[in-house]
Protein backbone atom coordinates (compact mmCIF):
# COMPACT_ATOMS: atom_id res chain seq x y z
CA MET A 1 -5.23 16.22 8.45
CA THR A 2 -4.65 15.03 4.64
CA TRP A 3 -1.54 15.24 3.57
CA VAL A 4 -0.95 18.16 0.98
CA LYS A 5 1.91 17.93 -2.43
CA VAL A 6 2.47 21.04 -3.86
CA CYS A 7 3.79 19.52 -7.79
CA GLY A 8 5.66 22.08 -10.25
CA ILE A 9 8.50 23.36 -8.24
CA THR A 10 11.64 24.59 -10.28
CA SER A 11 13.66 26.22 -7.72
CA GLU A 12 15.00 25.64 -3.96
CA ALA A 13 13.06 29.68 -2.96
CA ASP A 14 10.02 27.84 -4.27
CA ALA A 15 10.61 24.73 -2.56
CA LEU A 16 11.76 26.43 1.11
CA LEU A 17 8.82 28.28 0.71
CA CYS A 18 6.08 25.20 0.95
CA VAL A 19 8.78 23.85 3.66
CA GLY A 20 8.09 26.46 5.87
CA LEU A 21 3.82 26.96 5.19
CA GLY A 22 4.07 23.14 6.16
CA VAL A 23 3.32 20.90 2.83
CA ASP A 24 3.74 17.80 3.29
CA ALA A 25 5.77 17.00 0.02
CA ILE A 26 7.15 18.64 -3.16
CA GLY A 27 7.39 17.79 -7.05
CA VAL A 28 9.94 18.03 -9.14
CA ILE A 29 9.14 17.45 -12.99
CA PHE A 30 11.50 15.42 -14.66
CA ALA A 31 8.71 15.13 -18.06
CA PRO A 32 9.03 17.50 -20.78
CA SER A 33 6.99 20.65 -18.94
CA SER A 34 6.78 23.85 -18.49
CA ARG A 35 7.97 23.05 -14.70
CA GLN A 36 10.60 20.54 -16.21
CA VAL A 37 13.73 20.33 -13.73
CA SER A 38 17.05 19.25 -14.44
CA MET A 39 18.86 16.93 -12.36
CA GLN A 40 20.86 18.62 -11.16
CA ILE A 41 18.17 21.55 -10.24
CA ALA A 42 16.48 18.59 -8.46
CA THR A 43 19.17 17.46 -6.84
CA ASP A 44 20.27 20.90 -5.29
CA ILE A 45 16.43 21.21 -3.77
CA VAL A 46 16.61 17.69 -2.52
CA ARG A 47 19.98 18.72 -0.57
CA ARG A 48 18.36 21.48 0.82
CA VAL A 49 14.78 20.66 1.66
CA PRO A 50 14.63 18.50 5.54
CA ASP A 51 14.22 15.20 5.24
CA GLU A 52 10.27 15.62 6.84
CA THR A 53 9.17 16.67 3.23
CA MET A 54 8.84 14.50 1.10
CA VAL A 55 10.28 15.66 -2.13
CA VAL A 56 8.75 13.32 -4.86
CA GLY A 57 9.91 13.61 -8.82
CA VAL A 58 7.13 13.25 -10.69
CA PHE A 59 8.06 11.20 -14.05
CA ARG A 60 6.05 10.26 -17.81
CA ASP A 61 6.97 7.60 -19.91
CA GLU A 62 10.14 7.33 -18.96
CA ALA A 63 11.64 4.17 -19.23
CA PRO A 64 11.92 2.32 -15.72
CA VAL A 65 15.54 1.52 -15.64
CA ARG A 66 16.09 5.70 -16.34
CA VAL A 67 13.12 5.93 -13.44
CA VAL A 68 15.28 4.64 -10.94
CA ASP A 69 19.07 5.28 -11.98
CA ILE A 70 17.47 9.08 -11.55
CA ALA A 71 15.75 8.93 -8.42
CA ASN A 72 18.94 7.82 -7.14
CA LYS A 73 21.63 9.91 -8.04
CA VAL A 74 19.10 12.95 -7.06
CA GLY A 75 18.19 11.26 -3.62
CA LEU A 76 14.46 10.40 -4.22
CA ARG A 77 13.13 8.40 -2.18
CA ALA A 78 9.65 9.08 -3.88
CA VAL A 79 8.52 9.00 -7.46
CA GLN A 80 5.26 9.39 -9.19
CA LEU A 81 4.43 8.23 -12.54
CA HIS A 82 2.34 9.98 -14.69
CA GLY A 83 1.61 8.51 -17.83
CA SER A 84 0.39 5.11 -19.19
CA GLU A 85 2.95 3.45 -18.16
CA SER A 86 2.78 -1.11 -18.03
CA ARG A 87 2.06 -3.11 -14.99
CA SER A 88 5.78 -4.82 -15.76
CA ASP A 89 6.90 -1.01 -15.80
CA VAL A 90 5.16 0.43 -12.18
CA ARG A 91 6.61 -3.13 -10.58
CA TYR A 92 9.99 -2.96 -11.83
CA VAL A 93 10.06 0.59 -9.98
CA ALA A 94 8.48 0.09 -7.43
CA ASP A 95 10.81 -2.85 -5.96
CA ARG A 96 13.29 -0.85 -6.17
CA LEU A 97 12.02 2.41 -5.08
CA PRO A 98 10.08 2.98 -1.34
CA THR A 99 7.24 4.87 -2.56
CA VAL A 100 5.39 5.36 -6.17
CA ILE A 101 2.27 6.82 -7.13
CA LYS A 102 0.87 6.25 -9.86
CA ALA A 103 -1.42 7.82 -11.76
CA PHE A 104 -4.36 7.79 -14.17
CA PRO A 105 -7.03 9.95 -15.54
CA ALA A 106 -10.12 10.43 -13.74
CA THR A 107 -11.79 8.31 -16.47
CA SER A 108 -9.53 5.69 -17.03
CA PRO A 109 -10.41 2.25 -16.70
CA LEU A 110 -7.60 0.86 -15.01
CA ILE A 111 -7.92 2.52 -12.57
CA ALA A 112 -9.97 -0.98 -10.92
CA GLN A 113 -6.75 -2.69 -11.86
CA PHE A 114 -4.38 -0.22 -10.07
CA ALA A 115 -3.47 -2.14 -6.81
CA GLU A 116 -2.58 -4.88 -9.80
CA TYR A 117 0.65 -1.84 -10.29
CA GLY A 118 2.34 -2.72 -7.21
CA ALA A 119 2.32 0.94 -6.15
CA GLU A 120 1.72 2.53 -2.61
CA LEU A 121 -0.29 5.82 -3.40
CA LEU A 122 -2.74 6.48 -6.39
CA LEU A 123 -3.23 9.68 -8.91
CA VAL A 124 -6.96 10.86 -9.40
CA ASP A 125 -6.14 13.63 -12.20
CA GLY A 126 -8.45 15.01 -15.08
CA PRO A 127 -9.02 14.04 -18.76
CA SER A 128 -5.51 15.60 -19.91
CA PRO A 129 -3.63 14.92 -16.64
CA GLY A 130 -1.09 17.34 -15.83
CA SER A 131 -3.27 20.21 -17.38
CA GLY A 132 -4.48 21.30 -13.91
CA GLN A 133 -8.35 21.41 -15.71
CA VAL A 134 -11.21 19.73 -12.94
CA PHE A 135 -12.86 16.98 -13.44
CA ASP A 136 -16.40 15.85 -11.56
CA TRP A 137 -15.39 14.59 -8.45
CA ARG A 138 -18.06 11.93 -8.63
CA LEU A 139 -15.73 10.48 -10.96
CA ALA A 140 -13.44 9.31 -8.17
CA GLU A 141 -15.74 8.47 -5.72
CA GLY A 142 -15.34 4.64 -4.74
CA VAL A 143 -13.37 3.26 -8.05
CA ALA A 144 -10.22 2.75 -5.42
CA ASP A 145 -9.35 3.01 -1.61
CA SER A 146 -9.39 6.49 -1.25
CA GLU A 147 -6.92 5.84 2.29
CA ARG A 148 -4.34 4.78 -1.80
CA MET A 149 -5.38 8.02 -2.93
CA ILE A 150 -4.97 11.59 -3.99
CA VAL A 151 -6.89 14.04 -5.96
CA SER A 152 -5.26 16.14 -8.02
CA GLY A 153 -6.37 18.25 -11.19
CA GLY A 154 -7.28 21.49 -11.02
CA LEU A 155 -7.78 22.30 -7.32
CA ARG A 156 -7.07 26.13 -6.13
CA PRO A 157 -7.48 27.96 -2.65
CA ASP A 158 -11.21 28.19 -3.35
CA ASN A 159 -12.22 23.94 -4.16
CA VAL A 160 -10.22 22.02 -2.72
CA ALA A 161 -12.12 21.54 0.88
CA GLY A 162 -14.75 21.08 -1.29
CA ALA A 163 -12.91 18.00 -3.18
CA ILE A 164 -11.91 16.68 0.57
CA GLU A 165 -15.56 17.26 1.27
CA GLN A 166 -16.40 14.89 -1.11
CA ILE A 167 -13.83 12.08 -1.64
CA HIS A 168 -12.47 11.84 1.75
CA PRO A 169 -8.86 11.01 -0.19
CA PHE A 170 -5.49 10.21 1.58
CA GLY A 171 -3.75 13.43 -0.54
CA VAL A 172 -4.27 16.13 -2.06
CA ASP A 173 -1.48 17.79 -5.24
CA VAL A 174 -1.36 20.92 -6.68
CA ALA A 175 0.40 22.89 -9.09
CA SER A 176 -0.80 26.22 -11.07
CA GLY A 177 -3.16 26.95 -8.25
CA VAL A 178 -1.03 28.00 -6.58
CA GLU A 179 0.84 30.13 -9.18
CA SER A 180 1.05 33.81 -10.18
CA ALA A 181 3.29 32.00 -13.39
CA PRO A 182 3.74 28.67 -14.33
CA GLY A 183 6.04 27.16 -12.27
CA VAL A 184 6.39 30.41 -10.34
CA LYS A 185 4.73 29.57 -7.25
CA ASP A 186 2.56 32.13 -5.06
CA PRO A 187 3.29 32.45 -0.95
CA ILE A 188 -0.20 33.83 -0.65
CA LYS A 189 -2.05 31.13 -2.89
CA VAL A 190 0.20 27.84 -1.16
CA ARG A 191 -0.77 30.02 2.48
CA ASP A 192 -4.60 30.06 1.22
CA PHE A 193 -4.85 26.13 0.31
CA LEU A 194 -2.99 24.98 2.96
CA GLU A 195 -5.75 27.13 5.30
CA ALA A 196 -8.63 25.39 2.89
CA VAL A 197 -7.27 21.76 2.96
CA ARG A 198 -6.63 22.19 7.31
CA SER A 199 -10.24 24.15 7.61
CA VAL A 200 -11.76 19.96 6.41
CA PRO A 201 -12.09 17.67 9.32
CA ASN A 202 -10.26 14.50 7.95
CA ALA A 203 -9.24 10.87 9.70
CA PRO A 204 -6.04 9.69 9.81
CA HIS A 205 -5.46 7.49 6.95
CA HIS A 206 -2.99 4.56 6.56
CA VAL A 207 -1.42 2.94 3.56
CA ASP A 208 0.94 -0.52 5.11
CA GLY A 209 0.92 0.34 8.18
CA GLU A 210 -1.21 -0.46 11.77
CA GLU A 211 -5.12 -0.03 11.44
CA GLY A 212 -5.81 4.14 12.47
CA ALA A 213 -2.19 4.32 11.79
CA PRO A 214 -1.24 7.41 9.84
CA PHE A 215 1.39 7.33 6.81
CA ASP A 216 5.42 7.74 7.83
CA TRP A 217 6.82 9.23 5.05
CA ASN A 218 10.32 9.25 6.48
CA GLN A 219 10.27 5.68 6.53
CA ARG A 220 9.59 4.75 3.26
């Protein structure tokens, strides 16, 4: 099934809600945002979440040394770089942490050079990353290996199935589409989002594993 990340988690309660409903990963944002959290809150969330649920730290144009430092102190096994980070900066982080997701706007010509960044996974977002705006999913077709692609940007329970059917990505990422207010997750919307994702048959994806084997975050 398609991998699901719920981003912009701001409390232990919402983290455990998402875990209980069966999401694969949650995101905690360290970049300036209405959903930004402190290192202490992020650390508390990591301690409460079971190992099988990945906690991803989201950064934007942060110094790579600081990204690695925060990830190690908080206990993160994955980070998402959501700015205009250079290839060398992304590689620096990827050499020191188990999993790196590099985000690009769907219109960015740099997507074609994704392999040069050394990240494990590519996140394709709308023209204004983090805005929750839907983009034309045709822009993501064929720009990179779909087995390394996570789709984000304006996803909701009523449109996520369409995105999966059109792009067949490794995963999907949602924040505002499952909220009752910025940073506050709505249990019904999270449930409905997951049900919509699960309604779409999807072949197992693999990344850096055996042919046909699903990507196992716990090995990272």
